[in-house]
Amino acid sequence: PLHAASTFAEAARRHLEAGDPEAVGAAIECTKEIADAISRTAQIIRRLRNFTRPQSEQKETLDVNAVVSEAVEIMAFAMRRADVTLQLELATELPPIRGDRIQLQQICVNLIQNACDACADLPARQRRLHVRTWARNHEVVVTFRDSGRGIDAANADRLFDAFFTTKPAGMGMGLSLSRSIAESQGAKLTARPNDPQPGAAFELALPVRERSP
């Protein structure tokens, strides 16, 4: 958003230097875009502050799509830096869930970062992440499918073990922490090969909030 604000500010300057009535109108439109970009930046900063601030668990009724979208926004720069192309497929009219917003975002952030790391050795045009939300029985499911190195059959059973990692500089805590958080939220986090495509698929299954009688 700050890059967008800078771009529109430069465009507004050029329009104002032109001086004709139509250019002034275009400059006014640019200032509206700048205001929107600054507002969006403030929202991102607030979410990052909430995301990183230690706090006790606070369960509430949540829209999974909003949780996923906020995590994607937090990780937008990391994905651009890693040259990972994101495909976001959010189902409409999903039933609400109940959970801790920040902790669920932590899972999504960890899985997005894991996908970026898994794709690091690929040519940029092949680095892809598909994030999808959908409903299944009494669950809302979020899947993260990357085009990276995939899951080695020899390591599949250890994938969520603490301190197990295949990354040279990894600590082996991201997936272990994510599964622990999922279990604390009454959810399930599983992994499998991204068949028939290359890569890995992680599935976060969240129970639908029970309606009050």
N, C-alpha and C. Protein backbone atom coordinates (compact mmCIF):
# COMPACT_ATOMS: atom_id res chain seq x y z
N PRO A 1 0.80 -1.23 0.00
CA PRO A 1 0.00 0.00 0.00
C PRO A 1 0.84 1.28 0.00
N LEU A 2 1.99 1.27 0.70
CA LEU A 2 2.85 2.46 0.70
C LEU A 2 3.44 2.69 -0.69
N HIS A 3 3.76 1.61 -1.37
CA HIS A 3 4.26 1.75 -2.75
C HIS A 3 3.16 2.36 -3.63
N ALA A 4 1.92 1.89 -3.44
CA ALA A 4 0.81 2.45 -4.21
C ALA A 4 0.62 3.93 -3.89
N ALA A 5 0.72 4.31 -2.61
CA ALA A 5 0.58 5.70 -2.23
C ALA A 5 1.65 6.56 -2.89
N SER A 6 2.89 6.05 -2.92
CA SER A 6 3.98 6.78 -3.56
C SER A 6 3.72 6.96 -5.05
N THR A 7 3.23 5.90 -5.69
CA THR A 7 2.94 5.97 -7.13
C THR A 7 1.86 6.99 -7.44
N PHE A 8 0.78 6.97 -6.65
CA PHE A 8 -0.31 7.92 -6.89
C PHE A 8 0.11 9.35 -6.55
N ALA A 9 0.98 9.52 -5.55
CA ALA A 9 1.47 10.85 -5.22
C ALA A 9 2.27 11.43 -6.39
N GLU A 10 3.10 10.62 -7.02
CA GLU A 10 3.87 11.06 -8.17
C GLU A 10 2.94 11.39 -9.34
N ALA A 11 1.90 10.56 -9.53
CA ALA A 11 0.94 10.83 -10.60
C ALA A 11 0.19 12.13 -10.33
N ALA A 12 -0.20 12.37 -9.07
CA ALA A 12 -0.89 13.61 -8.72
C ALA A 12 -0.01 14.81 -8.99
N ARG A 13 1.28 14.71 -8.67
CA ARG A 13 2.21 15.82 -8.93
C ARG A 13 2.27 16.14 -10.42
N ARG A 14 2.35 15.10 -11.26
CA ARG A 14 2.42 15.33 -12.71
C ARG A 14 1.14 15.98 -13.22
N HIS A 15 -0.01 15.53 -12.70
CA HIS A 15 -1.29 16.11 -13.12
C HIS A 15 -1.38 17.58 -12.71
N LEU A 16 -0.97 17.90 -11.49
CA LEU A 16 -1.05 19.28 -11.01
C LEU A 16 -0.09 20.19 -11.78
N GLU A 17 1.06 19.65 -12.15
CA GLU A 17 2.00 20.45 -12.95
C GLU A 17 1.43 20.76 -14.33
N ALA A 18 0.58 19.86 -14.85
CA ALA A 18 -0.05 20.09 -16.16
C ALA A 18 -0.99 21.30 -16.08
N GLY A 19 -1.72 21.42 -14.97
CA GLY A 19 -2.48 22.64 -14.70
C GLY A 19 -3.84 22.74 -15.34
N ASP A 20 -4.19 21.91 -16.34
CA ASP A 20 -5.50 22.06 -16.97
C ASP A 20 -6.58 21.43 -16.09
N PRO A 21 -7.86 21.82 -16.31
CA PRO A 21 -8.94 21.36 -15.43
C PRO A 21 -9.06 19.84 -15.35
N GLU A 22 -8.90 19.14 -16.49
CA GLU A 22 -9.01 17.69 -16.47
C GLU A 22 -7.90 17.07 -15.62
N ALA A 23 -6.72 17.63 -15.71
CA ALA A 23 -5.59 17.11 -14.94
C ALA A 23 -5.80 17.31 -13.45
N VAL A 24 -6.41 18.43 -13.07
CA VAL A 24 -6.69 18.68 -11.66
C VAL A 24 -7.68 17.65 -11.13
N GLY A 25 -8.68 17.32 -11.93
CA GLY A 25 -9.64 16.28 -11.54
C GLY A 25 -8.97 14.93 -11.35
N ALA A 26 -8.04 14.60 -12.25
CA ALA A 26 -7.29 13.35 -12.13
C ALA A 26 -6.44 13.35 -10.87
N ALA A 27 -5.85 14.51 -10.53
CA ALA A 27 -5.03 14.61 -9.32
C ALA A 27 -5.88 14.39 -8.07
N ILE A 28 -7.12 14.90 -8.09
CA ILE A 28 -8.02 14.68 -6.96
C ILE A 28 -8.31 13.20 -6.78
N GLU A 29 -8.53 12.49 -7.88
CA GLU A 29 -8.76 11.05 -7.82
C GLU A 29 -7.53 10.34 -7.24
N CYS A 30 -6.34 10.81 -7.60
CA CYS A 30 -5.12 10.23 -7.06
C CYS A 30 -5.04 10.41 -5.54
N THR A 31 -5.47 11.57 -5.05
CA THR A 31 -5.42 11.78 -3.60
C THR A 31 -6.39 10.85 -2.87
N LYS A 32 -7.49 10.49 -3.50
CA LYS A 32 -8.41 9.53 -2.90
C LYS A 32 -7.73 8.16 -2.79
N GLU A 33 -7.00 7.78 -3.85
CA GLU A 33 -6.28 6.51 -3.83
C GLU A 33 -5.18 6.52 -2.76
N ILE A 34 -4.53 7.67 -2.59
CA ILE A 34 -3.50 7.78 -1.55
C ILE A 34 -4.11 7.59 -0.17
N ALA A 35 -5.25 8.24 0.06
CA ALA A 35 -5.93 8.10 1.36
C ALA A 35 -6.31 6.65 1.62
N ASP A 36 -6.82 5.96 0.59
CA ASP A 36 -7.18 4.54 0.74
C ASP A 36 -5.95 3.70 1.06
N ALA A 37 -4.82 3.99 0.38
CA ALA A 37 -3.60 3.22 0.60
C ALA A 37 -3.08 3.42 2.03
N ILE A 38 -3.15 4.66 2.52
CA ILE A 38 -2.69 4.93 3.89
C ILE A 38 -3.59 4.24 4.90
N SER A 39 -4.90 4.25 4.65
CA SER A 39 -5.83 3.56 5.54
C SER A 39 -5.54 2.07 5.57
N ARG A 40 -5.25 1.50 4.41
CA ARG A 40 -4.93 0.08 4.32
C ARG A 40 -3.62 -0.23 5.06
N THR A 41 -2.65 0.67 4.93
CA THR A 41 -1.38 0.50 5.65
C THR A 41 -1.61 0.49 7.15
N ALA A 42 -2.44 1.40 7.63
CA ALA A 42 -2.74 1.46 9.07
C ALA A 42 -3.40 0.16 9.54
N GLN A 43 -4.29 -0.40 8.72
CA GLN A 43 -4.93 -1.67 9.08
C GLN A 43 -3.91 -2.79 9.19
N ILE A 44 -2.97 -2.84 8.24
CA ILE A 44 -1.94 -3.87 8.26
C ILE A 44 -1.08 -3.74 9.51
N ILE A 45 -0.71 -2.51 9.86
CA ILE A 45 0.11 -2.29 11.05
C ILE A 45 -0.63 -2.74 12.31
N ARG A 46 -1.93 -2.42 12.39
CA ARG A 46 -2.71 -2.85 13.56
C ARG A 46 -2.75 -4.36 13.65
N ARG A 47 -2.93 -5.03 12.48
CA ARG A 47 -2.99 -6.50 12.50
C ARG A 47 -1.65 -7.10 12.90
N LEU A 48 -0.57 -6.51 12.41
CA LEU A 48 0.76 -7.00 12.79
C LEU A 48 1.01 -6.82 14.28
N ARG A 49 0.59 -5.68 14.82
CA ARG A 49 0.76 -5.43 16.26
C ARG A 49 -0.04 -6.45 17.06
N ASN A 50 -1.27 -6.71 16.66
CA ASN A 50 -2.09 -7.71 17.36
C ASN A 50 -1.48 -9.09 17.23
N PHE A 51 -0.93 -9.36 16.04
CA PHE A 51 -0.38 -10.68 15.74
C PHE A 51 0.84 -10.97 16.60
N THR A 52 1.65 -9.97 16.89
CA THR A 52 2.91 -10.17 17.60
C THR A 52 2.81 -9.88 19.09
N ARG A 53 1.70 -9.35 19.55
CA ARG A 53 1.56 -8.99 20.96
C ARG A 53 1.16 -10.23 21.78
N PRO A 54 1.92 -10.58 22.82
CA PRO A 54 1.54 -11.71 23.67
C PRO A 54 0.17 -11.46 24.29
N GLN A 55 -0.67 -12.48 24.26
CA GLN A 55 -2.00 -12.33 24.84
C GLN A 55 -2.56 -13.70 25.15
N SER A 56 -3.53 -13.73 26.05
CA SER A 56 -4.18 -14.98 26.40
C SER A 56 -5.14 -15.38 25.28
N GLU A 57 -5.47 -16.66 25.26
CA GLU A 57 -6.36 -17.16 24.22
C GLU A 57 -7.74 -16.49 24.32
N GLN A 58 -8.24 -16.04 23.19
CA GLN A 58 -9.54 -15.38 23.16
C GLN A 58 -10.36 -15.99 22.03
N LYS A 59 -11.24 -16.91 22.37
CA LYS A 59 -12.06 -17.55 21.36
C LYS A 59 -13.29 -16.71 21.05
N GLU A 60 -13.60 -16.67 19.77
CA GLU A 60 -14.74 -15.90 19.31
C GLU A 60 -15.30 -16.54 18.04
N THR A 61 -16.46 -16.11 17.63
CA THR A 61 -17.04 -16.59 16.39
C THR A 61 -16.32 -15.92 15.22
N LEU A 62 -15.86 -16.72 14.26
CA LEU A 62 -14.99 -16.21 13.21
C LEU A 62 -15.46 -16.62 11.83
N ASP A 63 -15.13 -15.76 10.87
CA ASP A 63 -15.27 -16.06 9.45
C ASP A 63 -13.89 -16.54 8.97
N VAL A 64 -13.79 -17.80 8.56
CA VAL A 64 -12.50 -18.36 8.16
C VAL A 64 -11.88 -17.55 7.03
N ASN A 65 -12.69 -17.10 6.08
CA ASN A 65 -12.15 -16.33 4.96
C ASN A 65 -11.44 -15.06 5.44
N ALA A 66 -11.99 -14.41 6.46
CA ALA A 66 -11.36 -13.20 6.99
C ALA A 66 -10.03 -13.54 7.66
N VAL A 67 -9.99 -14.64 8.40
CA VAL A 67 -8.76 -15.07 9.06
C VAL A 67 -7.67 -15.35 8.02
N VAL A 68 -8.03 -16.08 6.97
CA VAL A 68 -7.08 -16.43 5.92
C VAL A 68 -6.63 -15.18 5.18
N SER A 69 -7.56 -14.30 4.85
CA SER A 69 -7.21 -13.08 4.10
C SER A 69 -6.26 -12.20 4.88
N GLU A 70 -6.46 -12.09 6.19
CA GLU A 70 -5.57 -11.28 7.01
C GLU A 70 -4.18 -11.90 7.08
N ALA A 71 -4.10 -13.23 7.18
CA ALA A 71 -2.80 -13.90 7.18
C ALA A 71 -2.08 -13.70 5.85
N VAL A 72 -2.82 -13.77 4.76
CA VAL A 72 -2.24 -13.54 3.43
C VAL A 72 -1.70 -12.11 3.34
N GLU A 73 -2.44 -11.17 3.90
CA GLU A 73 -2.00 -9.78 3.88
C GLU A 73 -0.71 -9.61 4.68
N ILE A 74 -0.63 -10.27 5.84
CA ILE A 74 0.58 -10.20 6.65
C ILE A 74 1.78 -10.75 5.88
N MET A 75 1.55 -11.81 5.08
CA MET A 75 2.63 -12.49 4.37
C MET A 75 2.82 -12.01 2.94
N ALA A 76 2.10 -10.96 2.54
CA ALA A 76 2.16 -10.52 1.14
C ALA A 76 3.57 -10.15 0.71
N PHE A 77 4.30 -9.42 1.56
CA PHE A 77 5.65 -9.02 1.20
C PHE A 77 6.57 -10.24 1.10
N ALA A 78 6.44 -11.17 2.03
CA ALA A 78 7.27 -12.38 2.02
C ALA A 78 7.04 -13.18 0.74
N MET A 79 5.78 -13.26 0.30
CA MET A 79 5.49 -14.00 -0.93
C MET A 79 6.06 -13.29 -2.15
N ARG A 80 5.96 -11.96 -2.17
CA ARG A 80 6.54 -11.22 -3.29
C ARG A 80 8.06 -11.40 -3.32
N ARG A 81 8.68 -11.32 -2.16
CA ARG A 81 10.13 -11.47 -2.07
C ARG A 81 10.57 -12.87 -2.52
N ALA A 82 9.74 -13.88 -2.24
CA ALA A 82 10.06 -15.26 -2.63
C ALA A 82 9.61 -15.58 -4.05
N ASP A 83 8.97 -14.62 -4.75
CA ASP A 83 8.47 -14.84 -6.11
C ASP A 83 7.49 -15.99 -6.18
N VAL A 84 6.65 -16.11 -5.15
CA VAL A 84 5.63 -17.16 -5.13
C VAL A 84 4.31 -16.57 -5.61
N THR A 85 3.72 -17.20 -6.62
CA THR A 85 2.43 -16.76 -7.14
C THR A 85 1.31 -17.38 -6.31
N LEU A 86 0.46 -16.54 -5.75
CA LEU A 86 -0.64 -17.01 -4.90
C LEU A 86 -1.94 -17.10 -5.68
N GLN A 87 -2.63 -18.22 -5.54
CA GLN A 87 -4.01 -18.35 -6.02
C GLN A 87 -4.89 -18.52 -4.79
N LEU A 88 -5.76 -17.56 -4.57
CA LEU A 88 -6.62 -17.56 -3.39
C LEU A 88 -8.05 -17.90 -3.82
N GLU A 89 -8.57 -19.00 -3.31
CA GLU A 89 -9.91 -19.48 -3.69
C GLU A 89 -10.75 -19.61 -2.41
N LEU A 90 -11.56 -18.59 -2.15
CA LEU A 90 -12.34 -18.54 -0.92
C LEU A 90 -13.80 -18.84 -1.23
N ALA A 91 -14.32 -19.89 -0.62
CA ALA A 91 -15.71 -20.27 -0.84
C ALA A 91 -16.65 -19.24 -0.21
N THR A 92 -17.81 -19.08 -0.80
CA THR A 92 -18.80 -18.15 -0.27
C THR A 92 -19.73 -18.86 0.71
N GLU A 93 -20.32 -18.10 1.61
CA GLU A 93 -21.33 -18.58 2.55
C GLU A 93 -20.85 -19.75 3.39
N LEU A 94 -19.61 -19.66 3.88
CA LEU A 94 -19.11 -20.69 4.78
C LEU A 94 -19.74 -20.52 6.15
N PRO A 95 -20.01 -21.61 6.84
CA PRO A 95 -20.53 -21.48 8.21
C PRO A 95 -19.45 -20.93 9.13
N PRO A 96 -19.84 -20.24 10.19
CA PRO A 96 -18.85 -19.68 11.11
C PRO A 96 -18.18 -20.77 11.95
N ILE A 97 -16.99 -20.46 12.43
CA ILE A 97 -16.29 -21.34 13.35
C ILE A 97 -16.07 -20.58 14.64
N ARG A 98 -15.55 -21.28 15.64
CA ARG A 98 -15.19 -20.60 16.89
C ARG A 98 -13.73 -20.92 17.19
N GLY A 99 -12.95 -19.88 17.44
CA GLY A 99 -11.53 -20.08 17.72
C GLY A 99 -10.86 -18.77 18.05
N ASP A 100 -9.56 -18.85 18.26
CA ASP A 100 -8.75 -17.66 18.55
C ASP A 100 -8.19 -17.13 17.23
N ARG A 101 -8.56 -15.93 16.87
CA ARG A 101 -8.19 -15.35 15.58
C ARG A 101 -6.67 -15.32 15.38
N ILE A 102 -5.95 -14.82 16.38
CA ILE A 102 -4.51 -14.66 16.24
C ILE A 102 -3.81 -16.01 16.12
N GLN A 103 -4.24 -16.98 16.91
CA GLN A 103 -3.61 -18.29 16.85
C GLN A 103 -3.88 -18.98 15.52
N LEU A 104 -5.08 -18.84 15.00
CA LEU A 104 -5.39 -19.43 13.69
C LEU A 104 -4.61 -18.73 12.59
N GLN A 105 -4.44 -17.42 12.71
CA GLN A 105 -3.60 -16.70 11.75
C GLN A 105 -2.16 -17.19 11.82
N GLN A 106 -1.70 -17.53 13.04
CA GLN A 106 -0.33 -18.04 13.20
C GLN A 106 -0.14 -19.32 12.39
N ILE A 107 -1.14 -20.21 12.41
CA ILE A 107 -1.05 -21.43 11.61
C ILE A 107 -0.95 -21.08 10.13
N CYS A 108 -1.83 -20.20 9.66
CA CYS A 108 -1.83 -19.83 8.24
C CYS A 108 -0.51 -19.19 7.84
N VAL A 109 0.01 -18.30 8.68
CA VAL A 109 1.30 -17.64 8.40
C VAL A 109 2.41 -18.69 8.32
N ASN A 110 2.44 -19.63 9.27
CA ASN A 110 3.46 -20.67 9.25
C ASN A 110 3.39 -21.51 7.98
N LEU A 111 2.17 -21.86 7.55
CA LEU A 111 2.02 -22.70 6.37
C LEU A 111 2.37 -21.94 5.09
N ILE A 112 2.07 -20.65 5.05
CA ILE A 112 2.46 -19.84 3.88
C ILE A 112 3.97 -19.73 3.82
N GLN A 113 4.61 -19.48 4.97
CA GLN A 113 6.07 -19.39 5.00
C GLN A 113 6.69 -20.73 4.62
N ASN A 114 6.10 -21.82 5.08
CA ASN A 114 6.59 -23.15 4.75
C ASN A 114 6.53 -23.38 3.24
N ALA A 115 5.45 -22.92 2.60
CA ALA A 115 5.31 -23.06 1.15
C ALA A 115 6.36 -22.24 0.43
N CYS A 116 6.60 -21.01 0.90
CA CYS A 116 7.64 -20.17 0.28
C CYS A 116 9.00 -20.85 0.36
N ASP A 117 9.31 -21.41 1.52
CA ASP A 117 10.59 -22.09 1.69
C ASP A 117 10.68 -23.32 0.79
N ALA A 118 9.58 -24.06 0.66
CA ALA A 118 9.58 -25.28 -0.14
C ALA A 118 9.79 -25.00 -1.62
N CYS A 119 9.40 -23.80 -2.06
CA CYS A 119 9.50 -23.44 -3.48
C CYS A 119 10.81 -22.73 -3.82
N ALA A 120 11.65 -22.49 -2.82
CA ALA A 120 12.81 -21.62 -3.01
C ALA A 120 13.77 -22.11 -4.10
N ASP A 121 13.88 -23.42 -4.29
CA ASP A 121 14.84 -23.95 -5.26
C ASP A 121 14.29 -24.03 -6.68
N LEU A 122 13.03 -23.66 -6.87
CA LEU A 122 12.40 -23.74 -8.18
C LEU A 122 12.62 -22.46 -8.98
N PRO A 123 12.56 -22.53 -10.31
CA PRO A 123 12.51 -21.29 -11.10
C PRO A 123 11.30 -20.46 -10.69
N ALA A 124 11.41 -19.16 -10.74
CA ALA A 124 10.36 -18.27 -10.24
C ALA A 124 8.99 -18.58 -10.84
N ARG A 125 8.94 -18.87 -12.12
CA ARG A 125 7.65 -19.10 -12.77
C ARG A 125 6.95 -20.37 -12.28
N GLN A 126 7.69 -21.24 -11.60
CA GLN A 126 7.10 -22.49 -11.11
C GLN A 126 6.72 -22.43 -9.63
N ARG A 127 6.96 -21.32 -8.98
CA ARG A 127 6.67 -21.20 -7.55
C ARG A 127 5.21 -20.79 -7.36
N ARG A 128 4.42 -21.71 -6.88
CA ARG A 128 2.97 -21.46 -6.76
C ARG A 128 2.45 -21.93 -5.41
N LEU A 129 1.45 -21.22 -4.93
CA LEU A 129 0.74 -21.60 -3.72
C LEU A 129 -0.74 -21.39 -3.96
N HIS A 130 -1.51 -22.44 -3.74
CA HIS A 130 -2.97 -22.37 -3.89
C HIS A 130 -3.59 -22.53 -2.50
N VAL A 131 -4.27 -21.48 -2.05
CA VAL A 131 -4.95 -21.51 -0.76
C VAL A 131 -6.45 -21.52 -1.02
N ARG A 132 -7.12 -22.51 -0.45
CA ARG A 132 -8.55 -22.70 -0.73
C ARG A 132 -9.32 -22.92 0.56
N THR A 133 -10.51 -22.33 0.67
CA THR A 133 -11.42 -22.63 1.78
C THR A 133 -12.66 -23.31 1.23
N TRP A 134 -13.20 -24.25 2.00
CA TRP A 134 -14.40 -24.97 1.57
C TRP A 134 -15.03 -25.66 2.77
N ALA A 135 -16.26 -26.08 2.60
CA ALA A 135 -17.01 -26.74 3.68
C ALA A 135 -17.08 -28.23 3.41
N ARG A 136 -16.96 -29.00 4.49
CA ARG A 136 -17.05 -30.47 4.39
C ARG A 136 -17.72 -31.00 5.64
N ASN A 137 -18.89 -31.59 5.46
CA ASN A 137 -19.66 -32.12 6.59
C ASN A 137 -19.79 -31.03 7.65
N HIS A 138 -19.27 -31.25 8.85
CA HIS A 138 -19.40 -30.26 9.92
C HIS A 138 -18.08 -29.53 10.15
N GLU A 139 -17.32 -29.34 9.07
CA GLU A 139 -16.03 -28.67 9.16
C GLU A 139 -15.90 -27.60 8.09
N VAL A 140 -15.08 -26.61 8.39
CA VAL A 140 -14.59 -25.68 7.38
C VAL A 140 -13.11 -26.01 7.18
N VAL A 141 -12.72 -26.21 5.92
CA VAL A 141 -11.38 -26.70 5.61
C VAL A 141 -10.60 -25.61 4.86
N VAL A 142 -9.34 -25.45 5.25
CA VAL A 142 -8.42 -24.58 4.53
C VAL A 142 -7.28 -25.46 4.03
N THR A 143 -7.03 -25.44 2.72
CA THR A 143 -5.93 -26.22 2.16
C THR A 143 -4.86 -25.29 1.60
N PHE A 144 -3.63 -25.68 1.81
CA PHE A 144 -2.46 -24.95 1.31
C PHE A 144 -1.68 -25.91 0.42
N ARG A 145 -1.74 -25.70 -0.90
CA ARG A 145 -1.05 -26.58 -1.85
C ARG A 145 0.08 -25.81 -2.51
N ASP A 146 1.31 -26.30 -2.31
CA ASP A 146 2.45 -25.63 -2.94
C ASP A 146 3.04 -26.51 -4.03
N SER A 147 3.89 -25.91 -4.83
CA SER A 147 4.53 -26.63 -5.95
C SER A 147 5.98 -26.96 -5.63
N GLY A 148 6.31 -27.02 -4.35
CA GLY A 148 7.70 -27.16 -3.93
C GLY A 148 8.25 -28.57 -3.95
N ARG A 149 9.16 -28.83 -3.04
CA ARG A 149 9.93 -30.08 -3.05
C ARG A 149 9.10 -31.29 -2.67
N GLY A 150 7.93 -31.09 -2.10
CA GLY A 150 7.07 -32.21 -1.74
C GLY A 150 7.44 -32.85 -0.42
N ILE A 151 6.84 -33.99 -0.14
CA ILE A 151 7.04 -34.70 1.12
C ILE A 151 7.77 -36.00 0.83
N ASP A 152 8.95 -36.14 1.40
CA ASP A 152 9.72 -37.37 1.27
C ASP A 152 9.03 -38.45 2.09
N ALA A 153 8.74 -39.60 1.45
CA ALA A 153 8.06 -40.69 2.15
C ALA A 153 8.80 -41.11 3.42
N ALA A 154 10.13 -41.02 3.38
CA ALA A 154 10.93 -41.44 4.54
C ALA A 154 10.74 -40.50 5.73
N ASN A 155 10.31 -39.26 5.46
CA ASN A 155 10.17 -38.27 6.52
C ASN A 155 8.72 -37.97 6.88
N ALA A 156 7.78 -38.60 6.18
CA ALA A 156 6.37 -38.24 6.32
C ALA A 156 5.89 -38.36 7.77
N ASP A 157 6.32 -39.41 8.47
CA ASP A 157 5.84 -39.62 9.84
C ASP A 157 6.45 -38.65 10.83
N ARG A 158 7.52 -37.97 10.45
CA ARG A 158 8.22 -37.07 11.37
C ARG A 158 7.94 -35.60 11.06
N LEU A 159 7.09 -35.34 10.08
CA LEU A 159 6.91 -33.99 9.57
C LEU A 159 6.51 -32.99 10.65
N PHE A 160 5.67 -33.43 11.59
CA PHE A 160 5.17 -32.53 12.63
C PHE A 160 5.91 -32.69 13.95
N ASP A 161 7.02 -33.44 13.95
CA ASP A 161 7.80 -33.60 15.16
C ASP A 161 8.58 -32.31 15.46
N ALA A 162 8.66 -31.96 16.74
CA ALA A 162 9.45 -30.79 17.14
C ALA A 162 10.92 -31.01 16.81
N PHE A 163 11.54 -29.98 16.29
CA PHE A 163 12.96 -29.93 15.94
C PHE A 163 13.33 -30.75 14.71
N PHE A 164 12.34 -31.36 14.04
CA PHE A 164 12.65 -32.05 12.79
C PHE A 164 12.51 -31.06 11.64
N THR A 165 13.53 -30.96 10.81
CA THR A 165 13.49 -30.06 9.67
C THR A 165 14.38 -30.58 8.56
N THR A 166 14.01 -30.26 7.33
CA THR A 166 14.86 -30.56 6.17
C THR A 166 15.48 -29.29 5.62
N LYS A 167 15.26 -28.15 6.30
CA LYS A 167 15.81 -26.87 5.85
C LYS A 167 17.19 -26.67 6.48
N PRO A 168 18.17 -26.23 5.72
CA PRO A 168 19.51 -26.03 6.27
C PRO A 168 19.53 -25.09 7.47
N ALA A 169 18.71 -24.04 7.44
CA ALA A 169 18.70 -23.07 8.54
C ALA A 169 17.44 -23.15 9.37
N GLY A 170 16.68 -24.24 9.21
CA GLY A 170 15.41 -24.35 9.92
C GLY A 170 15.57 -24.82 11.35
N MET A 171 14.58 -24.47 12.19
CA MET A 171 14.59 -24.90 13.59
C MET A 171 13.68 -26.10 13.81
N GLY A 172 12.81 -26.39 12.86
CA GLY A 172 11.92 -27.53 13.01
C GLY A 172 10.79 -27.31 13.99
N MET A 173 10.36 -26.06 14.15
CA MET A 173 9.30 -25.76 15.11
C MET A 173 8.01 -25.30 14.45
N GLY A 174 8.08 -24.82 13.20
CA GLY A 174 6.90 -24.23 12.57
C GLY A 174 5.72 -25.18 12.47
N LEU A 175 5.94 -26.36 11.89
CA LEU A 175 4.84 -27.31 11.71
C LEU A 175 4.41 -27.93 13.04
N SER A 176 5.38 -28.18 13.92
CA SER A 176 5.03 -28.73 15.23
C SER A 176 4.17 -27.74 16.00
N LEU A 177 4.56 -26.47 15.99
CA LEU A 177 3.78 -25.44 16.66
C LEU A 177 2.39 -25.30 16.03
N SER A 178 2.34 -25.36 14.71
CA SER A 178 1.05 -25.21 14.02
C SER A 178 0.09 -26.33 14.40
N ARG A 179 0.59 -27.56 14.46
CA ARG A 179 -0.30 -28.66 14.85
C ARG A 179 -0.75 -28.51 16.30
N SER A 180 0.15 -28.08 17.18
CA SER A 180 -0.23 -27.88 18.59
C SER A 180 -1.32 -26.83 18.72
N ILE A 181 -1.17 -25.75 17.97
CA ILE A 181 -2.20 -24.69 18.00
C ILE A 181 -3.52 -25.24 17.46
N ALA A 182 -3.45 -25.97 16.35
CA ALA A 182 -4.67 -26.54 15.77
C ALA A 182 -5.40 -27.42 16.78
N GLU A 183 -4.65 -28.27 17.47
CA GLU A 183 -5.28 -29.16 18.44
C GLU A 183 -5.90 -28.38 19.59
N SER A 184 -5.27 -27.28 19.99
CA SER A 184 -5.83 -26.46 21.06
C SER A 184 -7.12 -25.78 20.64
N GLN A 185 -7.31 -25.65 19.32
CA GLN A 185 -8.52 -25.03 18.78
C GLN A 185 -9.57 -26.07 18.38
N GLY A 186 -9.30 -27.33 18.69
CA GLY A 186 -10.22 -28.40 18.31
C GLY A 186 -10.17 -28.72 16.83
N ALA A 187 -9.09 -28.34 16.16
CA ALA A 187 -8.95 -28.54 14.72
C ALA A 187 -7.93 -29.64 14.43
N LYS A 188 -7.83 -30.03 13.16
CA LYS A 188 -6.87 -31.04 12.74
C LYS A 188 -5.99 -30.46 11.62
N LEU A 189 -4.69 -30.68 11.72
CA LEU A 189 -3.75 -30.25 10.69
C LEU A 189 -3.03 -31.49 10.17
N THR A 190 -3.18 -31.75 8.88
CA THR A 190 -2.57 -32.93 8.26
C THR A 190 -1.82 -32.50 7.00
N ALA A 191 -0.98 -33.42 6.52
CA ALA A 191 -0.19 -33.16 5.31
C ALA A 191 -0.18 -34.39 4.43
N ARG A 192 -0.05 -34.16 3.13
CA ARG A 192 0.04 -35.25 2.17
C ARG A 192 0.70 -34.73 0.91
N PRO A 193 1.19 -35.62 0.04
CA PRO A 193 1.73 -35.16 -1.24
C PRO A 193 0.63 -34.46 -2.06
N ASN A 194 1.03 -33.50 -2.86
CA ASN A 194 0.08 -32.73 -3.66
C ASN A 194 -0.20 -33.44 -4.98
N ASP A 195 -0.60 -34.70 -4.91
CA ASP A 195 -0.85 -35.48 -6.13
C ASP A 195 -2.04 -34.92 -6.89
N PRO A 196 -2.01 -34.96 -8.24
CA PRO A 196 -0.93 -35.49 -9.08
C PRO A 196 0.16 -34.45 -9.38
N GLN A 197 0.01 -33.24 -8.87
CA GLN A 197 0.99 -32.19 -9.11
C GLN A 197 2.16 -32.34 -8.12
N PRO A 198 3.32 -31.77 -8.44
CA PRO A 198 4.43 -31.77 -7.49
C PRO A 198 4.12 -30.87 -6.31
N GLY A 199 4.78 -31.15 -5.19
CA GLY A 199 4.60 -30.30 -4.02
C GLY A 199 3.91 -31.02 -2.88
N ALA A 200 3.47 -30.23 -1.91
CA ALA A 200 2.82 -30.76 -0.71
C ALA A 200 1.49 -30.06 -0.49
N ALA A 201 0.59 -30.74 0.19
CA ALA A 201 -0.72 -30.18 0.52
C ALA A 201 -0.94 -30.30 2.02
N PHE A 202 -1.20 -29.16 2.67
CA PHE A 202 -1.51 -29.14 4.09
C PHE A 202 -2.98 -28.78 4.25
N GLU A 203 -3.66 -29.50 5.13
CA GLU A 203 -5.09 -29.30 5.32
C GLU A 203 -5.39 -28.98 6.77
N LEU A 204 -6.04 -27.84 6.98
CA LEU A 204 -6.48 -27.42 8.30
C LEU A 204 -8.01 -27.55 8.35
N ALA A 205 -8.49 -28.49 9.15
CA ALA A 205 -9.93 -28.75 9.26
C ALA A 205 -10.43 -28.22 10.59
N LEU A 206 -11.35 -27.26 10.53
CA LEU A 206 -11.86 -26.57 11.71
C LEU A 206 -13.32 -26.93 11.93
N PRO A 207 -13.69 -27.29 13.16
CA PRO A 207 -15.10 -27.64 13.41
C PRO A 207 -16.00 -26.43 13.30
N VAL A 208 -17.16 -26.64 12.70
CA VAL A 208 -18.15 -25.56 12.58
C VAL A 208 -18.69 -25.22 13.96
N ARG A 209 -18.92 -23.95 14.19
CA ARG A 209 -19.46 -23.52 15.48
C ARG A 209 -20.84 -24.10 15.68
N GLU A 210 -21.06 -24.70 16.85
CA GLU A 210 -22.37 -25.26 17.15
C GLU A 210 -23.37 -24.14 17.43
N ARG A 211 -24.54 -24.26 16.83
CA ARG A 211 -25.57 -23.23 17.05
C ARG A 211 -26.22 -23.42 18.42
N SER A 212 -26.55 -22.28 18.99
CA SER A 212 -27.24 -22.35 20.30
C SER A 212 -28.63 -22.90 20.11
N PRO A 213 -29.10 -23.74 21.04
CA PRO A 213 -30.45 -24.32 20.92
C PRO A 213 -31.51 -23.23 21.02
